[in-house]
Amino acid sequence: MVLFFHLPASIERKFREKAMQKYGYSKGALKKAMEDAIEDWLAKNTEATPPE
């Protein structure tokens, strides 16, 4: 799946800096950082199933 979106330049710059700090300058670092960010967002914004 491919997603396309625009970020403000200041957010993109900060994201790239943090991604490179965490994952290095290797190929795939931004992809991994974006996957982590989306997973974190989903975890925070997905309602848990209430216990029965």
C-alpha atoms as a PDB file:
ATOM      1  CA  MET A   1       0.000   0.000   0.000  1.00  0.00           C
ATOM      2  CA  VAL A   2       1.184   3.490  -0.764  1.00  0.00           C
ATOM      3  CA  LEU A   3       0.087   6.674   1.006  1.00  0.00           C
ATOM      4  CA  PHE A   4       0.833  10.167  -0.240  1.00  0.00           C
ATOM      5  CA  PHE A   5       0.464  13.244   1.946  1.00  0.00           C
ATOM      6  CA  HIS A   6       1.998  16.644   2.514  1.00  0.00           C
ATOM      7  CA  LEU A   7       3.606  17.739   5.767  1.00  0.00           C
ATOM      8  CA  PRO A   8       4.665  21.215   6.766  1.00  0.00           C
ATOM      9  CA  ALA A   9       8.399  21.586   6.152  1.00  0.00           C
ATOM     10  CA  SER A  10       9.140  22.065   9.854  1.00  0.00           C
ATOM     11  CA  ILE A  11       7.447  18.763  10.785  1.00  0.00           C
ATOM     12  CA  GLU A  12       9.133  16.903   7.933  1.00  0.00           C
ATOM     13  CA  ARG A  13      12.557  18.193   8.980  1.00  0.00           C
ATOM     14  CA  LYS A  14      12.034  17.183  12.621  1.00  0.00           C
ATOM     15  CA  PHE A  15      10.697  13.764  11.595  1.00  0.00           C
ATOM     16  CA  ARG A  16      13.664  13.104   9.307  1.00  0.00           C
ATOM     17  CA  GLU A  17      16.136  14.177  11.998  1.00  0.00           C
ATOM     18  CA  LYS A  18      14.579  11.908  14.632  1.00  0.00           C
ATOM     19  CA  ALA A  19      14.227   8.991  12.206  1.00  0.00           C
ATOM     20  CA  MET A  20      17.899   9.207  11.265  1.00  0.00           C
ATOM     21  CA  GLN A  21      18.949   9.486  14.909  1.00  0.00           C
ATOM     22  CA  LYS A  22      16.989   6.360  15.798  1.00  0.00           C
ATOM     23  CA  TYR A  23      17.427   4.208  12.674  1.00  0.00           C
ATOM     24  CA  GLY A  24      20.570   5.626  11.096  1.00  0.00           C
ATOM     25  CA  TYR A  25      21.091   6.854   7.573  1.00  0.00           C
ATOM     26  CA  SER A  26      20.437   3.521   5.914  1.00  0.00           C
ATOM     27  CA  LYS A  27      17.838   2.819   3.257  1.00  0.00           C
ATOM     28  CA  GLY A  28      14.438   2.225   4.847  1.00  0.00           C
ATOM     29  CA  ALA A  29      14.972   4.375   7.942  1.00  0.00           C
ATOM     30  CA  LEU A  30      12.141   6.783   7.085  1.00  0.00           C
ATOM     31  CA  LYS A  31       9.830   3.907   6.221  1.00  0.00           C
ATOM     32  CA  LYS A  32      10.471   2.208   9.557  1.00  0.00           C
ATOM     33  CA  ALA A  33       9.983   5.472  11.455  1.00  0.00           C
ATOM     34  CA  MET A  34       6.693   6.125   9.642  1.00  0.00           C
ATOM     35  CA  GLU A  35       5.471   2.583  10.362  1.00  0.00           C
ATOM     36  CA  ASP A  36       6.284   3.094  14.056  1.00  0.00           C
ATOM     37  CA  ALA A  37       4.524   6.462  14.089  1.00  0.00           C
ATOM     38  CA  ILE A  38       1.374   5.047  12.488  1.00  0.00           C
ATOM     39  CA  GLU A  39       1.358   2.030  14.817  1.00  0.00           C
ATOM     40  CA  ASP A  40       1.702   4.338  17.841  1.00  0.00           C
ATOM     41  CA  TRP A  41      -1.116   6.556  16.566  1.00  0.00           C
ATOM     42  CA  LEU A  42      -3.378   3.562  15.984  1.00  0.00           C
ATOM     43  CA  ALA A  43      -2.642   2.197  19.454  1.00  0.00           C
ATOM     44  CA  LYS A  44      -3.565   5.546  21.017  1.00  0.00           C
ATOM     45  CA  ASN A  45      -6.665   6.080  18.895  1.00  0.00           C
ATOM     46  CA  THR A  46      -8.219   2.641  18.713  1.00  0.00           C
ATOM     47  CA  GLU A  47     -10.931   1.973  21.214  1.00  0.00           C
ATOM     48  CA  ALA A  48     -10.366  -1.129  23.220  1.00  0.00           C
ATOM     49  CA  THR A  49     -13.176  -3.671  23.260  1.00  0.00           C
ATOM     50  CA  PRO A  50     -14.945  -3.265  26.604  1.00  0.00           C
ATOM     51  CA  PRO A  51     -14.795  -6.326  28.864  1.00  0.00           C
ATOM     52  CA  GLU A  52     -17.970  -8.400  29.006  1.00  0.00           C
END
